[in-house]
């Protein structure tokens, strides 16, 4: 199945360097949910960028990659609804390993729906 250009997850919308993750975690505003910690900060770009952290404490590689795929899918589908020009770091907690199906999308949707204001610079 080929994806249209707007449905992909290109490099331009990813946090890729360690320095970007460190800077965001130090200076961003944090939001906590039952299974995720979400850190956001304004960037100087026109698009939002996503970074995902799932440590080995969460589970084996199959579980960690499943969580990352579900978070990326949520971001891909709801990118237009999220604040533009924002760096977003999503850190999975241990409890995220037990999430099934659309639970990841539902929880992230509730968190981002509650965050209507723009994150700090």
PDB file of N, CA and C in Angstrom:
ATOM      1  N   UNK A   1       0.837  -1.167   0.000  1.00  0.00           N
ATOM      2  CA  UNK A   1       0.000   0.000   0.000  1.00  0.00           C
ATOM      3  C   UNK A   1       0.888   1.239   0.000  1.00  0.00           C
ATOM      4  N   UNK A   2       0.755   2.064  -0.999  1.00  0.00           N
ATOM      5  CA  UNK A   2       1.535   3.291  -1.085  1.00  0.00           C
ATOM      6  C   UNK A   2       0.813   4.417  -0.375  1.00  0.00           C
ATOM      7  N   UNK A   3       1.573   5.198   0.365  1.00  0.00           N
ATOM      8  CA  UNK A   3       0.997   6.325   1.086  1.00  0.00           C
ATOM      9  C   UNK A   3       1.185   7.599   0.293  1.00  0.00           C
ATOM     10  N   UNK A   4       0.207   8.480   0.393  1.00  0.00           N
ATOM     11  CA  UNK A   4       0.324   9.787  -0.231  1.00  0.00           C
ATOM     12  C   UNK A   4       1.386  10.579   0.505  1.00  0.00           C
ATOM     13  N   UNK A   5       1.890  11.628  -0.121  1.00  0.00           N
ATOM     14  CA  UNK A   5       2.938  12.435   0.474  1.00  0.00           C
ATOM     15  C   UNK A   5       2.587  12.979   1.841  1.00  0.00           C
ATOM     16  N   UNK A   6       1.329  13.366   2.054  1.00  0.00           N
ATOM     17  CA  UNK A   6       0.935  13.943   3.334  1.00  0.00           C
ATOM     18  C   UNK A   6       0.774  12.886   4.425  1.00  0.00           C
ATOM     19  N   UNK A   7       0.749  11.609   4.054  1.00  0.00           N
ATOM     20  CA  UNK A   7       0.539  10.555   5.039  1.00  0.00           C
ATOM     21  C   UNK A   7       1.838   9.893   5.484  1.00  0.00           C
ATOM     22  N   UNK A   8       2.947  10.312   4.937  1.00  0.00           N
ATOM     23  CA  UNK A   8       4.218   9.705   5.308  1.00  0.00           C
ATOM     24  C   UNK A   8       4.749  10.316   6.593  1.00  0.00           C
ATOM     25  N   UNK A   9       5.850   9.773   7.065  1.00  0.00           N
ATOM     26  CA  UNK A   9       6.525  10.277   8.256  1.00  0.00           C
ATOM     27  C   UNK A   9       7.959  10.637   7.863  1.00  0.00           C
ATOM     28  N   UNK A  10       8.119  11.731   7.102  1.00  0.00           N
ATOM     29  CA  UNK A  10       9.443  12.069   6.558  1.00  0.00           C
ATOM     30  C   UNK A  10      10.404  12.571   7.632  1.00  0.00           C
ATOM     31  N   UNK A  11      11.672  12.652   7.264  1.00  0.00           N
ATOM     32  CA  UNK A  11      12.703  13.089   8.199  1.00  0.00           C
ATOM     33  C   UNK A  11      12.454  14.494   8.722  1.00  0.00           C
ATOM     34  N   UNK A  12      11.821  15.326   7.931  1.00  0.00           N
ATOM     35  CA  UNK A  12      11.591  16.719   8.325  1.00  0.00           C
ATOM     36  C   UNK A  12      10.668  16.837   9.533  1.00  0.00           C
ATOM     37  N   UNK A  13       9.866  15.829   9.811  1.00  0.00           N
ATOM     38  CA  UNK A  13       8.935  15.901  10.940  1.00  0.00           C
ATOM     39  C   UNK A  13       9.361  14.992  12.096  1.00  0.00           C
ATOM     40  N   UNK A  14      10.627  14.605  12.113  1.00  0.00           N
ATOM     41  CA  UNK A  14      11.154  13.768  13.188  1.00  0.00           C
ATOM     42  C   UNK A  14      12.227  14.520  13.960  1.00  0.00           C
ATOM     43  N   UNK A  15      12.304  14.258  15.240  1.00  0.00           N
ATOM     44  CA  UNK A  15      13.469  14.669  16.017  1.00  0.00           C
ATOM     45  C   UNK A  15      14.509  13.589  15.784  1.00  0.00           C
ATOM     46  N   UNK A  16      15.697  13.972  15.318  1.00  0.00           N
ATOM     47  CA  UNK A  16      16.648  12.958  14.895  1.00  0.00           C
ATOM     48  C   UNK A  16      17.946  12.939  15.686  1.00  0.00           C
ATOM     49  N   UNK A  17      18.326  14.064  16.251  1.00  0.00           N
ATOM     50  CA  UNK A  17      19.621  14.134  16.920  1.00  0.00           C
ATOM     51  C   UNK A  17      19.450  14.122  18.436  1.00  0.00           C
ATOM     52  N   UNK A  18      20.435  13.553  19.104  1.00  0.00           N
ATOM     53  CA  UNK A  18      20.398  13.481  20.559  1.00  0.00           C
ATOM     54  C   UNK A  18      20.282  14.869  21.174  1.00  0.00           C
ATOM     55  N   UNK A  19      20.972  15.833  20.613  1.00  0.00           N
ATOM     56  CA  UNK A  19      20.933  17.203  21.140  1.00  0.00           C
ATOM     57  C   UNK A  19      19.517  17.770  21.099  1.00  0.00           C
ATOM     58  N   UNK A  20      18.740  17.408  20.079  1.00  0.00           N
ATOM     59  CA  UNK A  20      17.351  17.876  19.989  1.00  0.00           C
ATOM     60  C   UNK A  20      16.509  17.286  21.119  1.00  0.00           C
ATOM     61  N   UNK A  21      16.721  16.005  21.409  1.00  0.00           N
ATOM     62  CA  UNK A  21      15.997  15.350  22.499  1.00  0.00           C
ATOM     63  C   UNK A  21      16.373  15.966  23.847  1.00  0.00           C
ATOM     64  N   UNK A  22      17.668  16.170  24.061  1.00  0.00           N
ATOM     65  CA  UNK A  22      18.142  16.715  25.335  1.00  0.00           C
ATOM     66  C   UNK A  22      17.627  18.132  25.533  1.00  0.00           C
ATOM     67  N   UNK A  23      17.726  18.962  24.498  1.00  0.00           N
ATOM     68  CA  UNK A  23      17.257  20.344  24.587  1.00  0.00           C
ATOM     69  C   UNK A  23      15.756  20.396  24.872  1.00  0.00           C
ATOM     70  N   UNK A  24      15.007  19.561  24.204  1.00  0.00           N
ATOM     71  CA  UNK A  24      13.560  19.534  24.405  1.00  0.00           C
ATOM     72  C   UNK A  24      13.203  19.071  25.817  1.00  0.00           C
ATOM     73  N   UNK A  25      13.886  18.045  26.307  1.00  0.00           N
ATOM     74  CA  UNK A  25      13.562  17.548  27.648  1.00  0.00           C
ATOM     75  C   UNK A  25      13.944  18.550  28.734  1.00  0.00           C
ATOM     76  N   UNK A  26      14.950  19.377  28.488  1.00  0.00           N
ATOM     77  CA  UNK A  26      15.370  20.378  29.479  1.00  0.00           C
ATOM     78  C   UNK A  26      14.494  21.620  29.464  1.00  0.00           C
ATOM     79  N   UNK A  27      14.038  22.025  28.291  1.00  0.00           N
ATOM     80  CA  UNK A  27      13.363  23.320  28.179  1.00  0.00           C
ATOM     81  C   UNK A  27      11.879  23.231  27.865  1.00  0.00           C
ATOM     82  N   UNK A  28      11.365  22.040  27.598  1.00  0.00           N
ATOM     83  CA  UNK A  28       9.967  21.912  27.205  1.00  0.00           C
ATOM     84  C   UNK A  28       9.009  21.855  28.380  1.00  0.00           C
ATOM     85  N   UNK A  29       7.732  21.981  28.062  1.00  0.00           N
ATOM     86  CA  UNK A  29       6.659  21.886  29.050  1.00  0.00           C
ATOM     87  C   UNK A  29       6.131  20.455  29.050  1.00  0.00           C
ATOM     88  N   UNK A  30       6.025  19.857  30.221  1.00  0.00           N
ATOM     89  CA  UNK A  30       5.623  18.463  30.321  1.00  0.00           C
ATOM     90  C   UNK A  30       4.156  18.279  30.655  1.00  0.00           C
ATOM     91  N   UNK A  31       3.587  17.236  30.077  1.00  0.00           N
ATOM     92  CA  UNK A  31       2.216  16.814  30.353  1.00  0.00           C
ATOM     93  C   UNK A  31       2.304  15.325  30.672  1.00  0.00           C
ATOM     94  N   UNK A  32       1.608  14.877  31.699  1.00  0.00           N
ATOM     95  CA  UNK A  32       1.672  13.471  32.065  1.00  0.00           C
ATOM     96  C   UNK A  32       0.306  12.825  31.940  1.00  0.00           C
ATOM     97  N   UNK A  33       0.338  11.591  31.465  1.00  0.00           N
ATOM     98  CA  UNK A  33      -0.872  10.780  31.447  1.00  0.00           C
ATOM     99  C   UNK A  33      -0.525   9.462  32.132  1.00  0.00           C
ATOM    100  N   UNK A  34      -1.438   8.539  32.123  1.00  0.00           N
ATOM    101  CA  UNK A  34      -1.212   7.271  32.813  1.00  0.00           C
ATOM    102  C   UNK A  34      -0.060   6.478  32.202  1.00  0.00           C
ATOM    103  N   UNK A  35       0.101   6.550  30.889  1.00  0.00           N
ATOM    104  CA  UNK A  35       1.084   5.718  30.205  1.00  0.00           C
ATOM    105  C   UNK A  35       2.165   6.484  29.460  1.00  0.00           C
ATOM    106  N   UNK A  36       2.047   7.801  29.387  1.00  0.00           N
ATOM    107  CA  UNK A  36       3.006   8.591  28.618  1.00  0.00           C
ATOM    108  C   UNK A  36       3.365   9.882  29.341  1.00  0.00           C
ATOM    109  N   UNK A  37       4.563  10.362  29.071  1.00  0.00           N
ATOM    110  CA  UNK A  37       4.974  11.711  29.440  1.00  0.00           C
ATOM    111  C   UNK A  37       5.194  12.429  28.115  1.00  0.00           C
ATOM    112  N   UNK A  38       4.546  13.561  27.936  1.00  0.00           N
ATOM    113  CA  UNK A  38       4.639  14.307  26.681  1.00  0.00           C
ATOM    114  C   UNK A  38       5.280  15.652  26.980  1.00  0.00           C
ATOM    115  N   UNK A  39       6.365  15.944  26.279  1.00  0.00           N
ATOM    116  CA  UNK A  39       7.084  17.201  26.458  1.00  0.00           C
ATOM    117  C   UNK A  39       6.982  17.974  25.152  1.00  0.00           C
ATOM    118  N   UNK A  40       6.538  19.218  25.235  1.00  0.00           N
ATOM    119  CA  UNK A  40       6.362  20.034  24.033  1.00  0.00           C
ATOM    120  C   UNK A  40       7.111  21.350  24.171  1.00  0.00           C
ATOM    121  N   UNK A  41       7.486  21.889  23.034  1.00  0.00           N
ATOM    122  CA  UNK A  41       8.171  23.180  22.986  1.00  0.00           C
ATOM    123  C   UNK A  41       8.023  23.734  21.574  1.00  0.00           C
ATOM    124  N   UNK A  42       7.864  25.051  21.476  1.00  0.00           N
ATOM    125  CA  UNK A  42       7.777  25.698  20.168  1.00  0.00           C
ATOM    126  C   UNK A  42       9.123  25.578  19.453  1.00  0.00           C
ATOM    127  N   UNK A  43       9.073  25.437  18.125  1.00  0.00           N
ATOM    128  CA  UNK A  43      10.299  25.457  17.334  1.00  0.00           C
ATOM    129  C   UNK A  43      10.197  26.568  16.295  1.00  0.00           C
ATOM    130  N   UNK A  44      11.232  26.751  15.530  1.00  0.00           N
ATOM    131  CA  UNK A  44      11.242  27.826  14.538  1.00  0.00           C
ATOM    132  C   UNK A  44      10.877  27.326  13.146  1.00  0.00           C
ATOM    133  N   UNK A  45      10.241  26.186  13.073  1.00  0.00           N
ATOM    134  CA  UNK A  45       9.854  25.589  11.791  1.00  0.00           C
ATOM    135  C   UNK A  45       8.347  25.717  11.590  1.00  0.00           C
ATOM    136  N   UNK A  46       7.914  25.435  10.379  1.00  0.00           N
ATOM    137  CA  UNK A  46       6.484  25.540  10.095  1.00  0.00           C
ATOM    138  C   UNK A  46       5.726  24.267  10.476  1.00  0.00           C
ATOM    139  N   UNK A  47       6.431  23.144  10.603  1.00  0.00           N
ATOM    140  CA  UNK A  47       5.783  21.876  10.917  1.00  0.00           C
ATOM    141  C   UNK A  47       6.130  21.411  12.322  1.00  0.00           C
ATOM    142  N   UNK A  48       5.257  20.595  12.868  1.00  0.00           N
ATOM    143  CA  UNK A  48       5.542  19.962  14.150  1.00  0.00           C
ATOM    144  C   UNK A  48       6.474  18.787  13.918  1.00  0.00           C
ATOM    145  N   UNK A  49       7.327  18.518  14.899  1.00  0.00           N
ATOM    146  CA  UNK A  49       8.244  17.384  14.806  1.00  0.00           C
ATOM    147  C   UNK A  49       8.004  16.463  15.994  1.00  0.00           C
ATOM    148  N   UNK A  50       8.206  15.169  15.773  1.00  0.00           N
ATOM    149  CA  UNK A  50       7.921  14.160  16.788  1.00  0.00           C
ATOM    150  C   UNK A  50       9.170  13.369  17.134  1.00  0.00           C
ATOM    151  N   UNK A  51       9.355  13.123  18.420  1.00  0.00           N
ATOM    152  CA  UNK A  51      10.374  12.215  18.916  1.00  0.00           C
ATOM    153  C   UNK A  51       9.713  11.237  19.868  1.00  0.00           C
ATOM    154  N   UNK A  52      10.139   9.987  19.818  1.00  0.00           N
ATOM    155  CA  UNK A  52       9.542   8.949  20.659  1.00  0.00           C
ATOM    156  C   UNK A  52      10.660   8.255  21.429  1.00  0.00           C
ATOM    157  N   UNK A  53      10.455   8.092  22.728  1.00  0.00           N
ATOM    158  CA  UNK A  53      11.413   7.372  23.560  1.00  0.00           C
ATOM    159  C   UNK A  53      10.676   6.254  24.278  1.00  0.00           C
ATOM    160  N   UNK A  54      11.158   5.030  24.065  1.00  0.00           N
ATOM    161  CA  UNK A  54      10.609   3.871  24.762  1.00  0.00           C
ATOM    162  C   UNK A  54      11.810   3.091  25.287  1.00  0.00           C
ATOM    163  N   UNK A  55      12.036   3.132  26.583  1.00  0.00           N
ATOM    164  CA  UNK A  55      13.227   2.501  27.151  1.00  0.00           C
ATOM    165  C   UNK A  55      13.058   0.987  27.239  1.00  0.00           C
ATOM    166  N   UNK A  56      14.162   0.319  27.474  1.00  0.00           N
ATOM    167  CA  UNK A  56      14.153  -1.139  27.583  1.00  0.00           C
ATOM    168  C   UNK A  56      13.354  -1.609  28.793  1.00  0.00           C
ATOM    169  N   UNK A  57      13.108  -0.737  29.757  1.00  0.00           N
ATOM    170  CA  UNK A  57      12.309  -1.094  30.929  1.00  0.00           C
ATOM    171  C   UNK A  57      10.858  -1.390  30.564  1.00  0.00           C
ATOM    172  N   UNK A  58      10.420  -0.857  29.434  1.00  0.00           N
ATOM    173  CA  UNK A  58       9.028  -1.033  29.012  1.00  0.00           C
ATOM    174  C   UNK A  58       8.773  -2.464  28.569  1.00  0.00           C
ATOM    175  N   UNK A  59       9.727  -3.081  27.909  1.00  0.00           N
ATOM    176  CA  UNK A  59       9.540  -4.445  27.441  1.00  0.00           C
ATOM    177  C   UNK A  59      10.580  -4.807  26.405  1.00  0.00           C
ATOM    178  N   UNK A  60      10.378  -5.960  25.787  1.00  0.00           N
ATOM    179  CA  UNK A  60      11.336  -6.373  24.771  1.00  0.00           C
ATOM    180  C   UNK A  60      11.154  -5.556  23.492  1.00  0.00           C
ATOM    181  N   UNK A  61      11.986  -5.805  22.512  1.00  0.00           N
ATOM    182  CA  UNK A  61      11.984  -4.973  21.303  1.00  0.00           C
ATOM    183  C   UNK A  61      10.662  -5.038  20.550  1.00  0.00           C
ATOM    184  N   UNK A  62       9.996  -6.163  20.593  1.00  0.00           N
ATOM    185  CA  UNK A  62       8.712  -6.287  19.907  1.00  0.00           C
ATOM    186  C   UNK A  62       7.693  -5.328  20.518  1.00  0.00           C
ATOM    187  N   UNK A  63       7.636  -5.299  21.825  1.00  0.00           N
ATOM    188  CA  UNK A  63       6.693  -4.414  22.523  1.00  0.00           C
ATOM    189  C   UNK A  63       7.065  -2.956  22.312  1.00  0.00           C
ATOM    190  N   UNK A  64       8.356  -2.632  22.442  1.00  0.00           N
ATOM    191  CA  UNK A  64       8.799  -1.244  22.263  1.00  0.00           C
ATOM    192  C   UNK A  64       8.494  -0.739  20.858  1.00  0.00           C
ATOM    193  N   UNK A  65       8.775  -1.552  19.867  1.00  0.00           N
ATOM    194  CA  UNK A  65       8.515  -1.137  18.485  1.00  0.00           C
ATOM    195  C   UNK A  65       7.025  -1.019  18.201  1.00  0.00           C
ATOM    196  N   UNK A  66       6.211  -1.868  18.814  1.00  0.00           N
ATOM    197  CA  UNK A  66       4.760  -1.777  18.640  1.00  0.00           C
ATOM    198  C   UNK A  66       4.244  -0.447  19.188  1.00  0.00           C
ATOM    199  N   UNK A  67       4.729  -0.062  20.360  1.00  0.00           N
ATOM    200  CA  UNK A  67       4.326   1.220  20.947  1.00  0.00           C
ATOM    201  C   UNK A  67       4.741   2.367  20.032  1.00  0.00           C
ATOM    202  N   UNK A  68       5.974   2.333  19.536  1.00  0.00           N
ATOM    203  CA  UNK A  68       6.453   3.405  18.651  1.00  0.00           C
ATOM    204  C   UNK A  68       5.632   3.481  17.367  1.00  0.00           C
ATOM    205  N   UNK A  69       5.290   2.337  16.795  1.00  0.00           N
ATOM    206  CA  UNK A  69       4.461   2.338  15.577  1.00  0.00           C
ATOM    207  C   UNK A  69       3.105   2.965  15.840  1.00  0.00           C
ATOM    208  N   UNK A  70       2.504   2.654  16.972  1.00  0.00           N
ATOM    209  CA  UNK A  70       1.179   3.201  17.287  1.00  0.00           C
ATOM    210  C   UNK A  70       1.237   4.699  17.548  1.00  0.00           C
ATOM    211  N   UNK A  71       2.292   5.164  18.208  1.00  0.00           N
ATOM    212  CA  UNK A  71       2.446   6.602  18.445  1.00  0.00           C
ATOM    213  C   UNK A  71       2.671   7.327  17.118  1.00  0.00           C
ATOM    214  N   UNK A  72       3.523   6.776  16.256  1.00  0.00           N
ATOM    215  CA  UNK A  72       3.763   7.388  14.935  1.00  0.00           C
ATOM    216  C   UNK A  72       2.485   7.435  14.114  1.00  0.00           C
ATOM    217  N   UNK A  73       1.693   6.386  14.193  1.00  0.00           N
ATOM    218  CA  UNK A  73       0.431   6.354  13.449  1.00  0.00           C
ATOM    219  C   UNK A  73      -0.519   7.436  13.954  1.00  0.00           C
ATOM    220  N   UNK A  74      -0.584   7.617  15.262  1.00  0.00           N
ATOM    221  CA  UNK A  74      -1.417   8.695  15.808  1.00  0.00           C
ATOM    222  C   UNK A  74      -0.932  10.044  15.287  1.00  0.00           C
ATOM    223  N   UNK A  75       0.366  10.275  15.349  1.00  0.00           N
ATOM    224  CA  UNK A  75       0.933  11.540  14.885  1.00  0.00           C
ATOM    225  C   UNK A  75       0.653  11.744  13.397  1.00  0.00           C
ATOM    226  N   UNK A  76       0.800  10.687  12.609  1.00  0.00           N
ATOM    227  CA  UNK A  76       0.576  10.792  11.165  1.00  0.00           C
ATOM    228  C   UNK A  76      -0.870  11.176  10.863  1.00  0.00           C
ATOM    229  N   UNK A  77      -1.807  10.553  11.563  1.00  0.00           N
ATOM    230  CA  UNK A  77      -3.223  10.815  11.296  1.00  0.00           C
ATOM    231  C   UNK A  77      -3.709  12.148  11.847  1.00  0.00           C
ATOM    232  N   UNK A  78      -3.106  12.616  12.935  1.00  0.00           N
ATOM    233  CA  UNK A  78      -3.604  13.816  13.613  1.00  0.00           C
ATOM    234  C   UNK A  78      -2.634  14.988  13.547  1.00  0.00           C
ATOM    235  N   UNK A  79      -1.671  14.927  12.652  1.00  0.00           N
ATOM    236  CA  UNK A  79      -0.671  15.993  12.560  1.00  0.00           C
ATOM    237  C   UNK A  79      -1.312  17.350  12.309  1.00  0.00           C
ATOM    238  N   UNK A  80      -2.354  17.405  11.515  1.00  0.00           N
ATOM    239  CA  UNK A  80      -3.017  18.678  11.210  1.00  0.00           C
ATOM    240  C   UNK A  80      -3.726  19.256  12.436  1.00  0.00           C
ATOM    241  N   UNK A  81      -4.143  18.401  13.369  1.00  0.00           N
ATOM    242  CA  UNK A  81      -4.851  18.865  14.567  1.00  0.00           C
ATOM    243  C   UNK A  81      -3.911  19.366  15.661  1.00  0.00           C
ATOM    244  N   UNK A  82      -2.642  18.986  15.588  1.00  0.00           N
ATOM    245  CA  UNK A  82      -1.677  19.375  16.610  1.00  0.00           C
ATOM    246  C   UNK A  82      -1.173  20.785  16.340  1.00  0.00           C
ATOM    247  N   UNK A  83      -0.692  21.477  17.378  1.00  0.00           N
ATOM    248  CA  UNK A  83      -0.179  22.839  17.171  1.00  0.00           C
ATOM    249  C   UNK A  83       0.986  22.842  16.184  1.00  0.00           C
ATOM    250  N   UNK A  84       0.959  23.762  15.224  1.00  0.00           N
ATOM    251  CA  UNK A  84       2.031  23.847  14.229  1.00  0.00           C
ATOM    252  C   UNK A  84       3.264  24.479  14.848  1.00  0.00           C
ATOM    253  N   UNK A  85       4.430  24.101  14.337  1.00  0.00           N
ATOM    254  CA  UNK A  85       5.667  24.671  14.840  1.00  0.00           C
ATOM    255  C   UNK A  85       6.011  24.223  16.244  1.00  0.00           C
ATOM    256  N   UNK A  86       5.713  22.966  16.555  1.00  0.00           N
ATOM    257  CA  UNK A  86       5.941  22.442  17.899  1.00  0.00           C
ATOM    258  C   UNK A  86       6.788  21.178  17.828  1.00  0.00           C
ATOM    259  N   UNK A  87       7.773  21.075  18.712  1.00  0.00           N
ATOM    260  CA  UNK A  87       8.505  19.830  18.892  1.00  0.00           C
ATOM    261  C   UNK A  87       7.794  19.044  19.981  1.00  0.00           C
ATOM    262  N   UNK A  88       7.547  17.769  19.720  1.00  0.00           N
ATOM    263  CA  UNK A  88       6.812  16.918  20.656  1.00  0.00           C
ATOM    264  C   UNK A  88       7.660  15.691  20.954  1.00  0.00           C
ATOM    265  N   UNK A  89       7.915  15.450  22.224  1.00  0.00           N
ATOM    266  CA  UNK A  89       8.626  14.257  22.659  1.00  0.00           C
ATOM    267  C   UNK A  89       7.659  13.423  23.486  1.00  0.00           C
ATOM    268  N   UNK A  90       7.451  12.180  23.067  1.00  0.00           N
ATOM    269  CA  UNK A  90       6.553  11.278  23.785  1.00  0.00           C
ATOM    270  C   UNK A  90       7.398  10.172  24.399  1.00  0.00           C
ATOM    271  N   UNK A  91       7.350  10.077  25.715  1.00  0.00           N
ATOM    272  CA  UNK A  91       8.109   9.078  26.457  1.00  0.00           C
ATOM    273  C   UNK A  91       7.119   8.068  27.023  1.00  0.00           C
ATOM    274  N   UNK A  92       7.302   6.797  26.655  1.00  0.00           N
ATOM    275  CA  UNK A  92       6.399   5.746  27.131  1.00  0.00           C
ATOM    276  C   UNK A  92       6.821   5.285  28.523  1.00  0.00           C
ATOM    277  N   UNK A  93       5.842   5.094  29.397  1.00  0.00           N
ATOM    278  CA  UNK A  93       6.087   4.537  30.725  1.00  0.00           C
ATOM    279  C   UNK A  93       5.973   3.020  30.664  1.00  0.00           C
ATOM    280  N   UNK A  94       6.375   2.361  31.735  1.00  0.00           N
ATOM    281  CA  UNK A  94       6.306   0.896  31.788  1.00  0.00           C
ATOM    282  C   UNK A  94       4.902   0.379  31.517  1.00  0.00           C
ATOM    283  N   UNK A  95       3.911   1.113  32.012  1.00  0.00           N
ATOM    284  CA  UNK A  95       2.527   0.657  31.878  1.00  0.00           C
ATOM    285  C   UNK A  95       2.036   0.678  30.434  1.00  0.00           C
ATOM    286  N   UNK A  96       2.755   1.358  29.545  1.00  0.00           N
ATOM    287  CA  UNK A  96       2.348   1.419  28.138  1.00  0.00           C
ATOM    288  C   UNK A  96       2.488   0.068  27.450  1.00  0.00           C
ATOM    289  N   UNK A  97       3.260  -0.837  28.030  1.00  0.00           N
ATOM    290  CA  UNK A  97       3.457  -2.152  27.426  1.00  0.00           C
ATOM    291  C   UNK A  97       2.157  -2.936  27.340  1.00  0.00           C
ATOM    292  N   UNK A  98       1.232  -2.699  28.252  1.00  0.00           N
ATOM    293  CA  UNK A  98      -0.017  -3.453  28.274  1.00  0.00           C
ATOM    294  C   UNK A  98      -1.133  -2.859  27.438  1.00  0.00           C
ATOM    295  N   UNK A  99      -0.876  -1.758  26.755  1.00  0.00           N
ATOM    296  CA  UNK A  99      -1.931  -1.114  25.970  1.00  0.00           C
ATOM    297  C   UNK A  99      -2.257  -1.924  24.729  1.00  0.00           C
ATOM    298  N   UNK A 100      -3.533  -1.958  24.389  1.00  0.00           N
ATOM    299  CA  UNK A 100      -3.972  -2.711  23.223  1.00  0.00           C
ATOM    300  C   UNK A 100      -4.631  -1.797  22.208  1.00  0.00           C
ATOM    301  N   UNK A 101      -4.537  -2.184  20.958  1.00  0.00           N
ATOM    302  CA  UNK A 101      -5.259  -1.533  19.869  1.00  0.00           C
ATOM    303  C   UNK A 101      -5.223  -0.027  19.861  1.00  0.00           C
ATOM    304  N   UNK A 102      -6.399   0.565  19.876  1.00  0.00           N
ATOM    305  CA  UNK A 102      -6.518   2.019  19.769  1.00  0.00           C
ATOM    306  C   UNK A 102      -6.361   2.744  21.099  1.00  0.00           C
ATOM    307  N   UNK A 103      -6.002   2.031  22.149  1.00  0.00           N
ATOM    308  CA  UNK A 103      -5.861   2.670  23.453  1.00  0.00           C
ATOM    309  C   UNK A 103      -4.796   3.755  23.424  1.00  0.00           C
ATOM    310  N   UNK A 104      -3.713   3.520  22.694  1.00  0.00           N
ATOM    311  CA  UNK A 104      -2.651   4.528  22.571  1.00  0.00           C
ATOM    312  C   UNK A 104      -3.214   5.789  21.933  1.00  0.00           C
ATOM    313  N   UNK A 105      -3.929   5.633  20.830  1.00  0.00           N
ATOM    314  CA  UNK A 105      -4.498   6.792  20.133  1.00  0.00           C
ATOM    315  C   UNK A 105      -5.521   7.512  21.007  1.00  0.00           C
ATOM    316  N   UNK A 106      -6.342   6.762  21.735  1.00  0.00           N
ATOM    317  CA  UNK A 106      -7.347   7.391  22.606  1.00  0.00           C
ATOM    318  C   UNK A 106      -6.686   8.206  23.709  1.00  0.00           C
ATOM    319  N   UNK A 107      -5.663   7.631  24.329  1.00  0.00           N
ATOM    320  CA  UNK A 107      -4.995   8.348  25.421  1.00  0.00           C
ATOM    321  C   UNK A 107      -4.271   9.592  24.913  1.00  0.00           C
ATOM    322  N   UNK A 108      -3.549   9.471  23.799  1.00  0.00           N
ATOM    323  CA  UNK A 108      -2.867  10.643  23.243  1.00  0.00           C
ATOM    324  C   UNK A 108      -3.872  11.692  22.793  1.00  0.00           C
ATOM    325  N   UNK A 109      -4.994  11.250  22.251  1.00  0.00           N
ATOM    326  CA  UNK A 109      -6.036  12.185  21.843  1.00  0.00           C
ATOM    327  C   UNK A 109      -6.581  12.981  23.011  1.00  0.00           C
ATOM    328  N   UNK A 110      -6.806  12.302  24.147  1.00  0.00           N
ATOM    329  CA  UNK A 110      -7.286  13.001  25.347  1.00  0.00           C
ATOM    330  C   UNK A 110      -6.256  14.006  25.847  1.00  0.00           C
ATOM    331  N   UNK A 111      -4.989  13.617  25.824  1.00  0.00           N
ATOM    332  CA  UNK A 111      -3.936  14.517  26.310  1.00  0.00           C
ATOM    333  C   UNK A 111      -3.835  15.752  25.428  1.00  0.00           C
ATOM    334  N   UNK A 112      -3.802  15.557  24.115  1.00  0.00           N
ATOM    335  CA  UNK A 112      -3.653  16.698  23.212  1.00  0.00           C
ATOM    336  C   UNK A 112      -4.924  17.532  23.130  1.00  0.00           C
ATOM    337  N   UNK A 113      -6.082  16.922  23.358  1.00  0.00           N
ATOM    338  CA  UNK A 113      -7.322  17.705  23.385  1.00  0.00           C
ATOM    339  C   UNK A 113      -7.343  18.621  24.599  1.00  0.00           C
ATOM    340  N   UNK A 114      -6.750  18.185  25.692  1.00  0.00           N
ATOM    341  CA  UNK A 114      -6.681  19.002  26.891  1.00  0.00           C
ATOM    342  C   UNK A 114      -5.654  20.110  26.801  1.00  0.00           C
ATOM    343  N   UNK A 115      -4.738  19.998  25.850  1.00  0.00           N
ATOM    344  CA  UNK A 115      -3.688  21.003  25.689  1.00  0.00           C
ATOM    345  C   UNK A 115      -4.035  21.894  24.504  1.00  0.00           C
ATOM    346  N   UNK A 116      -4.870  22.871  24.733  1.00  0.00           N
ATOM    347  CA  UNK A 116      -5.297  23.766  23.662  1.00  0.00           C
ATOM    348  C   UNK A 116      -4.352  24.946  23.475  1.00  0.00           C
ATOM    349  N   UNK A 117      -3.630  25.299  24.541  1.00  0.00           N
ATOM    350  CA  UNK A 117      -2.744  26.455  24.416  1.00  0.00           C
ATOM    351  C   UNK A 117      -1.429  26.022  23.780  1.00  0.00           C
ATOM    352  N   UNK A 118      -0.725  26.988  23.236  1.00  0.00           N
ATOM    353  CA  UNK A 118       0.542  26.701  22.585  1.00  0.00           C
ATOM    354  C   UNK A 118       1.630  26.535  23.639  1.00  0.00           C
ATOM    355  N   UNK A 119       2.571  25.616  23.414  1.00  0.00           N
ATOM    356  CA  UNK A 119       3.647  25.427  24.379  1.00  0.00           C
ATOM    357  C   UNK A 119       4.587  26.621  24.424  1.00  0.00           C
ATOM    358  N   UNK A 120       5.405  26.667  25.487  1.00  0.00           N
ATOM    359  CA  UNK A 120       6.303  27.804  25.659  1.00  0.00           C
ATOM    360  C   UNK A 120       7.435  27.780  24.644  1.00  0.00           C
ATOM    361  N   UNK A 121       8.000  28.957  24.418  1.00  0.00           N
ATOM    362  CA  UNK A 121       9.154  29.080  23.528  1.00  0.00           C
ATOM    363  C   UNK A 121      10.332  28.603  24.284  1.00  0.00           C
TER     364      UNK A 121
END
